[in-house]
Amino acid sequence: MSTTGIVTIKELSSGLVVTYEDTWDDWGTASPKEQWDFMWTEGNYSCDCNRKIFFYRHGFNEDKMDDAPCSGSENQYLVKVVFKETGEIVVNEFGD
C-alpha cells in the first residue's frame, strides 16, 4: 500500500514556497501518519540540507542543491505535509 502527501516547503530567507506531491510505500508497523511525521520531524528529511535539496529539486534552480547547508543551519526551511486522499495534516511547521 502507498500514501500520497502534498508537501509544501518554505525557504525563510527568500519567502519562496514550493509544493509538490510525494508518494511513499508504507513500511513497518507504524501508521502512514507516524511514518511521514517521523521522517519530516526526526528522520532524514528533518534537516535543512535535505529540505533544501527537496526545495530546489521541486521548484527552483537545481544547481543550488550543491550548496545545501549540512551543519549549523537549522529551521531555514519549514514544512507542511497533508495527505492527498484525506486532507489530514500530518506535519505543520507553518503555524497556521
N, C-alpha and C. Protein backbone atom coordinates (compact mmCIF):
# COMPACT_ATOMS: atom_id res chain seq x y z
N MET A 1 0.85 -1.18 0.00
CA MET A 1 0.00 0.00 0.00
C MET A 1 0.90 1.24 0.00
N SER A 2 0.40 2.32 -0.55
CA SER A 2 1.17 3.57 -0.58
C SER A 2 0.29 4.74 -0.16
N THR A 3 0.94 5.82 0.22
CA THR A 3 0.27 7.03 0.67
C THR A 3 0.86 8.21 -0.08
N THR A 4 0.00 9.12 -0.52
CA THR A 4 0.46 10.32 -1.23
C THR A 4 0.25 11.53 -0.34
N GLY A 5 1.30 12.33 -0.25
CA GLY A 5 1.23 13.56 0.53
C GLY A 5 1.47 14.77 -0.35
N ILE A 6 0.85 15.87 0.00
CA ILE A 6 1.14 17.16 -0.62
C ILE A 6 2.13 17.84 0.32
N VAL A 7 3.36 18.04 -0.17
CA VAL A 7 4.44 18.59 0.63
C VAL A 7 4.65 20.05 0.23
N THR A 8 4.65 20.94 1.20
CA THR A 8 4.94 22.35 0.96
C THR A 8 6.14 22.73 1.80
N ILE A 9 7.15 23.32 1.14
CA ILE A 9 8.37 23.74 1.83
C ILE A 9 8.55 25.23 1.60
N LYS A 10 8.80 25.95 2.68
CA LYS A 10 9.03 27.39 2.62
C LYS A 10 10.47 27.69 3.02
N GLU A 11 11.17 28.43 2.15
CA GLU A 11 12.51 28.90 2.45
C GLU A 11 12.38 30.25 3.14
N LEU A 12 12.77 30.31 4.40
CA LEU A 12 12.55 31.52 5.19
C LEU A 12 13.34 32.72 4.68
N SER A 13 14.55 32.53 4.19
CA SER A 13 15.38 33.66 3.77
C SER A 13 14.80 34.39 2.56
N SER A 14 14.10 33.68 1.69
CA SER A 14 13.54 34.30 0.48
C SER A 14 12.03 34.46 0.54
N GLY A 15 11.38 33.69 1.41
CA GLY A 15 9.91 33.68 1.46
C GLY A 15 9.28 32.83 0.36
N LEU A 16 10.11 32.20 -0.48
CA LEU A 16 9.60 31.37 -1.58
C LEU A 16 9.05 30.06 -1.03
N VAL A 17 8.02 29.56 -1.72
CA VAL A 17 7.34 28.33 -1.32
C VAL A 17 7.25 27.40 -2.52
N VAL A 18 7.49 26.13 -2.30
CA VAL A 18 7.30 25.13 -3.34
C VAL A 18 6.38 24.05 -2.79
N THR A 19 5.49 23.54 -3.65
CA THR A 19 4.56 22.49 -3.27
C THR A 19 4.65 21.38 -4.31
N TYR A 20 4.67 20.14 -3.84
CA TYR A 20 4.74 19.00 -4.75
C TYR A 20 4.09 17.78 -4.11
N GLU A 21 3.76 16.79 -4.93
CA GLU A 21 3.21 15.53 -4.45
C GLU A 21 4.33 14.53 -4.28
N ASP A 22 4.23 13.73 -3.23
CA ASP A 22 5.20 12.67 -2.98
C ASP A 22 4.43 11.42 -2.56
N THR A 23 4.81 10.28 -3.09
CA THR A 23 4.14 9.02 -2.75
C THR A 23 5.15 8.07 -2.15
N TRP A 24 4.80 7.49 -1.01
CA TRP A 24 5.66 6.53 -0.32
C TRP A 24 4.93 5.21 -0.19
N ASP A 25 5.69 4.14 -0.32
CA ASP A 25 5.17 2.83 0.05
C ASP A 25 5.20 2.75 1.57
N ASP A 26 4.11 2.27 2.15
CA ASP A 26 4.05 2.15 3.61
C ASP A 26 5.01 1.05 4.05
N TRP A 27 5.66 1.27 5.20
CA TRP A 27 6.66 0.32 5.69
C TRP A 27 6.48 0.12 7.19
N GLY A 28 6.91 -1.01 7.65
CA GLY A 28 6.89 -1.29 9.08
C GLY A 28 5.49 -1.40 9.66
N THR A 29 5.44 -1.31 10.96
CA THR A 29 4.16 -1.46 11.66
C THR A 29 3.54 -0.12 12.03
N ALA A 30 4.27 0.96 11.85
CA ALA A 30 3.73 2.29 12.17
C ALA A 30 2.69 2.68 11.12
N SER A 31 1.76 3.52 11.52
CA SER A 31 0.75 4.02 10.59
C SER A 31 1.42 4.96 9.57
N PRO A 32 0.79 5.18 8.41
CA PRO A 32 1.37 6.13 7.45
C PRO A 32 1.62 7.50 8.07
N LYS A 33 0.70 7.98 8.91
CA LYS A 33 0.89 9.28 9.55
C LYS A 33 2.14 9.28 10.42
N GLU A 34 2.32 8.22 11.21
CA GLU A 34 3.51 8.13 12.05
C GLU A 34 4.79 8.07 11.22
N GLN A 35 4.75 7.37 10.09
CA GLN A 35 5.92 7.27 9.22
C GLN A 35 6.30 8.63 8.64
N TRP A 36 5.33 9.33 8.07
CA TRP A 36 5.59 10.64 7.46
C TRP A 36 6.03 11.64 8.53
N ASP A 37 5.34 11.64 9.66
CA ASP A 37 5.70 12.57 10.74
C ASP A 37 7.14 12.33 11.19
N PHE A 38 7.51 11.08 11.39
CA PHE A 38 8.87 10.77 11.83
C PHE A 38 9.90 11.27 10.81
N MET A 39 9.71 10.96 9.54
CA MET A 39 10.70 11.33 8.53
C MET A 39 10.91 12.84 8.46
N TRP A 40 9.81 13.62 8.55
CA TRP A 40 9.92 15.08 8.41
C TRP A 40 10.30 15.80 9.70
N THR A 41 10.10 15.18 10.87
CA THR A 41 10.40 15.88 12.12
C THR A 41 11.60 15.32 12.87
N GLU A 42 11.95 14.05 12.64
CA GLU A 42 13.07 13.44 13.35
C GLU A 42 14.03 12.71 12.41
N GLY A 43 13.54 12.24 11.28
CA GLY A 43 14.34 11.44 10.37
C GLY A 43 15.17 12.29 9.41
N ASN A 44 15.58 11.68 8.31
CA ASN A 44 16.47 12.33 7.35
C ASN A 44 15.91 13.62 6.77
N TYR A 45 14.60 13.72 6.63
CA TYR A 45 14.01 14.90 5.99
C TYR A 45 13.89 16.08 6.95
N SER A 46 14.26 15.90 8.21
CA SER A 46 14.12 16.97 9.19
C SER A 46 15.26 17.99 9.13
N CYS A 47 16.37 17.65 8.49
CA CYS A 47 17.50 18.58 8.47
C CYS A 47 17.41 19.52 7.27
N ASP A 48 17.95 20.71 7.42
CA ASP A 48 17.90 21.72 6.36
C ASP A 48 18.62 21.29 5.09
N CYS A 49 19.68 20.48 5.22
CA CYS A 49 20.40 20.09 4.00
C CYS A 49 19.47 19.29 3.07
N ASN A 50 18.69 18.37 3.62
CA ASN A 50 17.77 17.60 2.78
C ASN A 50 16.56 18.43 2.36
N ARG A 51 16.06 19.27 3.23
CA ARG A 51 14.92 20.11 2.86
C ARG A 51 15.29 21.06 1.72
N LYS A 52 16.51 21.58 1.75
CA LYS A 52 16.94 22.45 0.66
C LYS A 52 17.00 21.69 -0.66
N ILE A 53 17.48 20.46 -0.61
CA ILE A 53 17.51 19.63 -1.82
C ILE A 53 16.11 19.45 -2.38
N PHE A 54 15.14 19.09 -1.53
CA PHE A 54 13.76 18.92 -1.99
C PHE A 54 13.21 20.23 -2.54
N PHE A 55 13.50 21.33 -1.85
CA PHE A 55 13.01 22.65 -2.25
C PHE A 55 13.47 22.99 -3.67
N TYR A 56 14.74 22.85 -3.93
CA TYR A 56 15.27 23.20 -5.25
C TYR A 56 14.94 22.14 -6.30
N ARG A 57 14.87 20.89 -5.93
CA ARG A 57 14.53 19.83 -6.89
C ARG A 57 13.12 20.01 -7.43
N HIS A 58 12.21 20.49 -6.58
CA HIS A 58 10.81 20.54 -6.97
C HIS A 58 10.32 21.93 -7.36
N GLY A 59 11.18 22.91 -7.42
CA GLY A 59 10.63 24.20 -7.79
C GLY A 59 11.59 25.23 -8.29
N PHE A 60 12.85 25.10 -7.97
CA PHE A 60 13.76 26.18 -8.31
C PHE A 60 15.05 25.62 -8.90
N ASN A 61 16.07 26.36 -8.89
CA ASN A 61 17.33 26.05 -9.54
C ASN A 61 18.02 24.85 -8.90
N GLU A 62 18.09 23.72 -9.63
CA GLU A 62 18.72 22.52 -9.09
C GLU A 62 20.21 22.70 -8.83
N ASP A 63 20.85 23.65 -9.49
CA ASP A 63 22.28 23.88 -9.26
C ASP A 63 22.57 24.26 -7.81
N LYS A 64 21.61 24.89 -7.14
CA LYS A 64 21.81 25.31 -5.75
C LYS A 64 21.76 24.14 -4.78
N MET A 65 21.34 22.97 -5.25
CA MET A 65 21.29 21.81 -4.38
C MET A 65 22.68 21.48 -3.84
N ASP A 66 23.73 21.79 -4.58
CA ASP A 66 25.10 21.52 -4.12
C ASP A 66 25.51 22.41 -2.97
N ASP A 67 24.80 23.50 -2.77
CA ASP A 67 25.14 24.44 -1.70
C ASP A 67 24.39 24.13 -0.40
N ALA A 68 23.81 22.95 -0.30
CA ALA A 68 22.98 22.63 0.86
C ALA A 68 23.76 22.72 2.16
N PRO A 69 23.20 23.45 3.14
CA PRO A 69 23.88 23.56 4.44
C PRO A 69 23.74 22.25 5.20
N CYS A 70 24.83 21.71 5.68
CA CYS A 70 24.75 20.44 6.41
C CYS A 70 25.27 20.54 7.84
N SER A 71 25.59 21.74 8.27
CA SER A 71 25.97 21.89 9.67
C SER A 71 25.67 23.32 10.13
N GLY A 72 25.15 23.42 11.30
CA GLY A 72 24.91 24.73 11.90
C GLY A 72 23.73 25.49 11.34
N SER A 73 23.01 24.92 10.41
CA SER A 73 21.86 25.61 9.83
C SER A 73 20.60 24.84 10.19
N GLU A 74 19.77 25.43 10.99
CA GLU A 74 18.52 24.78 11.39
C GLU A 74 17.37 25.76 11.20
N ASN A 75 16.23 25.21 10.86
CA ASN A 75 14.99 25.98 10.77
C ASN A 75 15.02 27.05 9.69
N GLN A 76 15.74 26.82 8.60
CA GLN A 76 15.70 27.73 7.46
C GLN A 76 14.62 27.33 6.47
N TYR A 77 14.09 26.11 6.63
CA TYR A 77 13.04 25.59 5.76
C TYR A 77 11.94 25.01 6.62
N LEU A 78 10.73 25.51 6.43
CA LEU A 78 9.57 24.99 7.15
C LEU A 78 8.78 24.08 6.23
N VAL A 79 8.11 23.10 6.82
CA VAL A 79 7.40 22.09 6.04
C VAL A 79 5.97 21.94 6.52
N LYS A 80 5.10 21.70 5.55
CA LYS A 80 3.72 21.29 5.84
C LYS A 80 3.43 20.10 4.93
N VAL A 81 2.89 19.03 5.51
CA VAL A 81 2.54 17.84 4.76
C VAL A 81 1.08 17.50 5.04
N VAL A 82 0.32 17.31 3.97
CA VAL A 82 -1.10 16.97 4.06
C VAL A 82 -1.35 15.73 3.22
N PHE A 83 -2.06 14.75 3.75
CA PHE A 83 -2.39 13.57 2.95
C PHE A 83 -3.37 13.95 1.85
N LYS A 84 -3.03 13.61 0.64
CA LYS A 84 -3.86 13.96 -0.52
C LYS A 84 -5.24 13.29 -0.43
N GLU A 85 -5.26 12.06 -0.03
CA GLU A 85 -6.51 11.29 -0.05
C GLU A 85 -7.54 11.78 0.97
N THR A 86 -7.06 12.26 2.12
CA THR A 86 -7.98 12.59 3.22
C THR A 86 -7.97 14.07 3.62
N GLY A 87 -6.93 14.79 3.22
CA GLY A 87 -6.79 16.18 3.67
C GLY A 87 -6.25 16.31 5.08
N GLU A 88 -5.88 15.18 5.69
CA GLU A 88 -5.37 15.20 7.06
C GLU A 88 -3.98 15.86 7.08
N ILE A 89 -3.80 16.80 8.00
CA ILE A 89 -2.50 17.45 8.18
C ILE A 89 -1.61 16.51 8.98
N VAL A 90 -0.43 16.21 8.43
CA VAL A 90 0.49 15.28 9.07
C VAL A 90 1.57 16.06 9.81
N VAL A 91 2.15 17.05 9.16
CA VAL A 91 3.18 17.91 9.75
C VAL A 91 2.82 19.34 9.38
N ASN A 92 2.89 20.25 10.35
CA ASN A 92 2.62 21.65 10.05
C ASN A 92 3.54 22.54 10.89
N GLU A 93 4.62 22.98 10.27
CA GLU A 93 5.56 23.89 10.93
C GLU A 93 5.25 25.35 10.58
N PHE A 94 4.22 25.57 9.77
CA PHE A 94 3.90 26.93 9.33
C PHE A 94 3.16 27.73 10.40
N GLY A 95 2.55 27.03 11.35
CA GLY A 95 1.85 27.72 12.42
C GLY A 95 0.47 28.21 12.04
N ASP A 96 -0.05 27.75 10.90
CA ASP A 96 -1.42 28.16 10.50
C ASP A 96 -2.43 27.08 10.79
